[in-house]
């Protein structure tokens, strides 16, 4: 039996902020992630760090410097359940939950965020990709009859 989940790659520190529960809306300028609605996804920290995030107006100075050793790159950090997706309007709630101005962006509303005890080393990619948690390997898109955790 394999446990295959879709994964998305984010720059650091955004990936860590999701895993800490500080960022509960992940945004994109497109709606191609709408297919993730009602699925558990993996949160992968890519190799890039977004230096501009250090000036985030939605986090306190204490949050911005909190446990920098957790800001690892090239690892699957945990999972989240995508409760809903949709076009955002940029209101104050959405901005705070996404940690950015969300006007005219599409959002994934995340719940049940779980941090893995041990991050899993993995090479991510743009878009949606798939990872087999049992066999600890990246896989091609599963066939509809494959046993997955996100069905």
C-alpha atoms as a PDB file:
ATOM      1  CA  UNK A   1       0.000   0.000   0.000  1.00  0.00           C
ATOM      2  CA  UNK A   2       1.341   3.474  -0.802  1.00  0.00           C
ATOM      3  CA  UNK A   3       0.329   6.851   0.531  1.00  0.00           C
ATOM      4  CA  UNK A   4       0.679   9.353  -2.266  1.00  0.00           C
ATOM      5  CA  UNK A   5      -0.081  13.019  -1.633  1.00  0.00           C
ATOM      6  CA  UNK A   6       0.026  16.097  -3.831  1.00  0.00           C
ATOM      7  CA  UNK A   7       2.709  18.588  -2.815  1.00  0.00           C
ATOM      8  CA  UNK A   8       3.345  22.264  -3.428  1.00  0.00           C
ATOM      9  CA  UNK A   9       6.676  24.041  -3.125  1.00  0.00           C
ATOM     10  CA  UNK A  10       6.988  27.440  -1.479  1.00  0.00           C
ATOM     11  CA  UNK A  11       9.914  29.733  -0.831  1.00  0.00           C
ATOM     12  CA  UNK A  12      11.129  30.018   2.721  1.00  0.00           C
ATOM     13  CA  UNK A  13      10.044  31.455   5.141  1.00  0.00           C
ATOM     14  CA  UNK A  14       6.515  31.105   3.718  1.00  0.00           C
ATOM     15  CA  UNK A  15       6.561  27.294   3.983  1.00  0.00           C
ATOM     16  CA  UNK A  16       7.634  27.406   7.627  1.00  0.00           C
ATOM     17  CA  UNK A  17       5.020  30.055   8.408  1.00  0.00           C
ATOM     18  CA  UNK A  18       2.329  27.687   7.103  1.00  0.00           C
ATOM     19  CA  UNK A  19       3.629  24.827   9.232  1.00  0.00           C
ATOM     20  CA  UNK A  20       3.657  27.088  12.300  1.00  0.00           C
ATOM     21  CA  UNK A  21       0.000  27.939  11.634  1.00  0.00           C
ATOM     22  CA  UNK A  22       0.721  31.636  11.096  1.00  0.00           C
ATOM     23  CA  UNK A  23      -0.180  31.516   7.383  1.00  0.00           C
ATOM     24  CA  UNK A  24      -3.487  29.730   6.812  1.00  0.00           C
ATOM     25  CA  UNK A  25      -4.158  30.998   3.295  1.00  0.00           C
ATOM     26  CA  UNK A  26      -1.637  30.207   0.547  1.00  0.00           C
ATOM     27  CA  UNK A  27      -2.061  32.467  -2.465  1.00  0.00           C
ATOM     28  CA  UNK A  28      -1.275  32.389  -6.152  1.00  0.00           C
ATOM     29  CA  UNK A  29      -1.995  34.699  -9.090  1.00  0.00           C
ATOM     30  CA  UNK A  30      -3.757  31.790 -10.849  1.00  0.00           C
ATOM     31  CA  UNK A  31      -6.426  29.261  -9.859  1.00  0.00           C
ATOM     32  CA  UNK A  32      -4.636  26.100 -11.069  1.00  0.00           C
ATOM     33  CA  UNK A  33      -4.513  24.814  -7.482  1.00  0.00           C
ATOM     34  CA  UNK A  34      -8.325  24.716  -7.210  1.00  0.00           C
ATOM     35  CA  UNK A  35      -8.133  20.952  -7.874  1.00  0.00           C
ATOM     36  CA  UNK A  36      -6.583  20.593  -4.396  1.00  0.00           C
ATOM     37  CA  UNK A  37      -9.858  21.515  -2.670  1.00  0.00           C
ATOM     38  CA  UNK A  38     -10.785  18.924  -0.006  1.00  0.00           C
ATOM     39  CA  UNK A  39      -7.385  17.226  -0.225  1.00  0.00           C
ATOM     40  CA  UNK A  40      -4.494  16.852   2.168  1.00  0.00           C
ATOM     41  CA  UNK A  41      -1.348  18.306   0.630  1.00  0.00           C
ATOM     42  CA  UNK A  42       2.331  18.310   1.527  1.00  0.00           C
ATOM     43  CA  UNK A  43       4.104  21.595   2.207  1.00  0.00           C
ATOM     44  CA  UNK A  44       7.586  21.655   0.685  1.00  0.00           C
ATOM     45  CA  UNK A  45      10.197  24.344   1.371  1.00  0.00           C
ATOM     46  CA  UNK A  46      12.039  24.995  -1.861  1.00  0.00           C
ATOM     47  CA  UNK A  47      15.686  25.919  -2.224  1.00  0.00           C
ATOM     48  CA  UNK A  48      14.925  29.646  -2.516  1.00  0.00           C
ATOM     49  CA  UNK A  49      14.546  32.021   0.418  1.00  0.00           C
ATOM     50  CA  UNK A  50      12.498  35.184  -0.073  1.00  0.00           C
ATOM     51  CA  UNK A  51      14.606  37.911   1.559  1.00  0.00           C
ATOM     52  CA  UNK A  52      11.786  40.461   1.226  1.00  0.00           C
ATOM     53  CA  UNK A  53       9.648  38.412   3.638  1.00  0.00           C
ATOM     54  CA  UNK A  54      11.823  39.684   6.516  1.00  0.00           C
ATOM     55  CA  UNK A  55       9.822  42.931   6.358  1.00  0.00           C
ATOM     56  CA  UNK A  56       6.419  41.271   6.685  1.00  0.00           C
ATOM     57  CA  UNK A  57       3.981  43.796   8.222  1.00  0.00           C
ATOM     58  CA  UNK A  58       1.570  41.089   9.426  1.00  0.00           C
ATOM     59  CA  UNK A  59       4.037  39.405  11.810  1.00  0.00           C
ATOM     60  CA  UNK A  60       5.616  40.714  15.002  1.00  0.00           C
ATOM     61  CA  UNK A  61       9.377  41.182  15.301  1.00  0.00           C
ATOM     62  CA  UNK A  62       9.368  38.194  17.678  1.00  0.00           C
ATOM     63  CA  UNK A  63       7.727  36.021  15.042  1.00  0.00           C
ATOM     64  CA  UNK A  64      10.133  37.181  12.335  1.00  0.00           C
ATOM     65  CA  UNK A  65      13.161  36.024  14.362  1.00  0.00           C
ATOM     66  CA  UNK A  66      11.529  32.947  15.966  1.00  0.00           C
ATOM     67  CA  UNK A  67      13.629  29.778  15.716  1.00  0.00           C
ATOM     68  CA  UNK A  68      15.517  30.510  12.484  1.00  0.00           C
ATOM     69  CA  UNK A  69      17.038  26.999  12.551  1.00  0.00           C
ATOM     70  CA  UNK A  70      13.625  25.679  11.452  1.00  0.00           C
ATOM     71  CA  UNK A  71      13.943  27.568   8.155  1.00  0.00           C
ATOM     72  CA  UNK A  72      15.356  24.612   6.237  1.00  0.00           C
ATOM     73  CA  UNK A  73      15.350  24.470   2.442  1.00  0.00           C
ATOM     74  CA  UNK A  74      14.745  21.411   0.272  1.00  0.00           C
ATOM     75  CA  UNK A  75      12.468  19.544   2.696  1.00  0.00           C
ATOM     76  CA  UNK A  76       8.828  18.527   3.032  1.00  0.00           C
ATOM     77  CA  UNK A  77       7.931  20.146   6.343  1.00  0.00           C
ATOM     78  CA  UNK A  78       4.439  18.800   6.936  1.00  0.00           C
ATOM     79  CA  UNK A  79       0.904  18.626   5.608  1.00  0.00           C
ATOM     80  CA  UNK A  80      -2.277  20.681   5.467  1.00  0.00           C
ATOM     81  CA  UNK A  81      -5.869  20.103   4.447  1.00  0.00           C
ATOM     82  CA  UNK A  82      -7.218  22.427   1.727  1.00  0.00           C
ATOM     83  CA  UNK A  83     -10.695  23.254   2.981  1.00  0.00           C
ATOM     84  CA  UNK A  84     -11.584  25.622   0.141  1.00  0.00           C
ATOM     85  CA  UNK A  85     -10.127  27.648  -2.703  1.00  0.00           C
ATOM     86  CA  UNK A  86     -11.256  30.835  -4.383  1.00  0.00           C
ATOM     87  CA  UNK A  87     -10.643  34.369  -5.545  1.00  0.00           C
ATOM     88  CA  UNK A  88      -9.696  36.670  -2.687  1.00  0.00           C
ATOM     89  CA  UNK A  89     -10.756  40.271  -2.278  1.00  0.00           C
ATOM     90  CA  UNK A  90      -7.949  41.624  -0.118  1.00  0.00           C
ATOM     91  CA  UNK A  91      -9.882  42.245   3.075  1.00  0.00           C
ATOM     92  CA  UNK A  92      -8.078  42.548   6.398  1.00  0.00           C
ATOM     93  CA  UNK A  93      -8.860  38.951   7.501  1.00  0.00           C
ATOM     94  CA  UNK A  94      -7.512  37.471   4.275  1.00  0.00           C
ATOM     95  CA  UNK A  95      -4.399  39.667   4.330  1.00  0.00           C
ATOM     96  CA  UNK A  96      -3.560  38.650   7.909  1.00  0.00           C
ATOM     97  CA  UNK A  97      -4.221  34.942   7.234  1.00  0.00           C
ATOM     98  CA  UNK A  98      -2.112  35.024   4.039  1.00  0.00           C
ATOM     99  CA  UNK A  99       0.517  37.404   5.459  1.00  0.00           C
ATOM    100  CA  UNK A 100       0.311  39.487   2.259  1.00  0.00           C
ATOM    101  CA  UNK A 101      -2.152  41.740   0.444  1.00  0.00           C
ATOM    102  CA  UNK A 102      -4.514  39.260  -1.173  1.00  0.00           C
ATOM    103  CA  UNK A 103      -6.417  41.518  -3.581  1.00  0.00           C
ATOM    104  CA  UNK A 104      -7.020  39.754  -6.900  1.00  0.00           C
ATOM    105  CA  UNK A 105      -5.198  36.593  -5.834  1.00  0.00           C
ATOM    106  CA  UNK A 106      -6.503  33.046  -5.511  1.00  0.00           C
ATOM    107  CA  UNK A 107      -6.276  31.374  -2.138  1.00  0.00           C
ATOM    108  CA  UNK A 108      -6.051  27.903  -0.677  1.00  0.00           C
ATOM    109  CA  UNK A 109      -7.683  27.925   2.755  1.00  0.00           C
ATOM    110  CA  UNK A 110      -5.616  25.580   4.912  1.00  0.00           C
ATOM    111  CA  UNK A 111      -6.728  23.645   7.991  1.00  0.00           C
ATOM    112  CA  UNK A 112      -5.405  20.703  10.015  1.00  0.00           C
ATOM    113  CA  UNK A 113      -1.818  21.836   9.539  1.00  0.00           C
ATOM    114  CA  UNK A 114       0.631  19.227  10.809  1.00  0.00           C
ATOM    115  CA  UNK A 115       4.367  19.607  11.246  1.00  0.00           C
ATOM    116  CA  UNK A 116       6.366  16.438  10.603  1.00  0.00           C
ATOM    117  CA  UNK A 117       8.653  15.372  13.465  1.00  0.00           C
ATOM    118  CA  UNK A 118      11.442  14.977  10.912  1.00  0.00           C
ATOM    119  CA  UNK A 119      11.406  17.028   7.699  1.00  0.00           C
ATOM    120  CA  UNK A 120      11.727  14.840   4.595  1.00  0.00           C
ATOM    121  CA  UNK A 121      14.455  15.771   2.109  1.00  0.00           C
ATOM    122  CA  UNK A 122      12.947  16.167  -1.351  1.00  0.00           C
ATOM    123  CA  UNK A 123      13.476  18.051  -4.570  1.00  0.00           C
ATOM    124  CA  UNK A 124      10.361  20.065  -5.308  1.00  0.00           C
ATOM    125  CA  UNK A 125       9.104  21.597  -8.518  1.00  0.00           C
ATOM    126  CA  UNK A 126       6.749  24.215  -9.855  1.00  0.00           C
ATOM    127  CA  UNK A 127       3.051  23.430  -9.742  1.00  0.00           C
ATOM    128  CA  UNK A 128       1.566  20.344  -8.127  1.00  0.00           C
ATOM    129  CA  UNK A 129       3.784  17.293  -7.757  1.00  0.00           C
ATOM    130  CA  UNK A 130       3.329  14.009  -5.887  1.00  0.00           C
ATOM    131  CA  UNK A 131       5.193  12.263  -3.108  1.00  0.00           C
ATOM    132  CA  UNK A 132       4.845   8.736  -1.739  1.00  0.00           C
ATOM    133  CA  UNK A 133       5.182   9.016   2.052  1.00  0.00           C
ATOM    134  CA  UNK A 134       5.548   5.284   2.620  1.00  0.00           C
ATOM    135  CA  UNK A 135       8.307   4.738   0.067  1.00  0.00           C
ATOM    136  CA  UNK A 136       9.866   8.185   0.629  1.00  0.00           C
ATOM    137  CA  UNK A 137      10.055   9.123  -3.027  1.00  0.00           C
ATOM    138  CA  UNK A 138       8.704  11.543  -5.564  1.00  0.00           C
ATOM    139  CA  UNK A 139       6.303   9.852  -7.994  1.00  0.00           C
ATOM    140  CA  UNK A 140       4.401  10.683 -11.154  1.00  0.00           C
ATOM    141  CA  UNK A 141       0.754  11.624 -10.885  1.00  0.00           C
ATOM    142  CA  UNK A 142      -1.138   8.635  -9.448  1.00  0.00           C
ATOM    143  CA  UNK A 143      -3.721   6.802 -11.510  1.00  0.00           C
ATOM    144  CA  UNK A 144      -7.351   7.329 -10.402  1.00  0.00           C
ATOM    145  CA  UNK A 145      -7.544   3.799  -8.934  1.00  0.00           C
ATOM    146  CA  UNK A 146      -4.321   4.182  -6.879  1.00  0.00           C
ATOM    147  CA  UNK A 147      -4.744   4.255  -3.126  1.00  0.00           C
ATOM    148  CA  UNK A 148      -4.042   7.779  -1.944  1.00  0.00           C
ATOM    149  CA  UNK A 149      -4.580   9.780   1.207  1.00  0.00           C
ATOM    150  CA  UNK A 150      -6.222  12.612  -0.685  1.00  0.00           C
ATOM    151  CA  UNK A 151      -9.147  10.800  -2.309  1.00  0.00           C
END
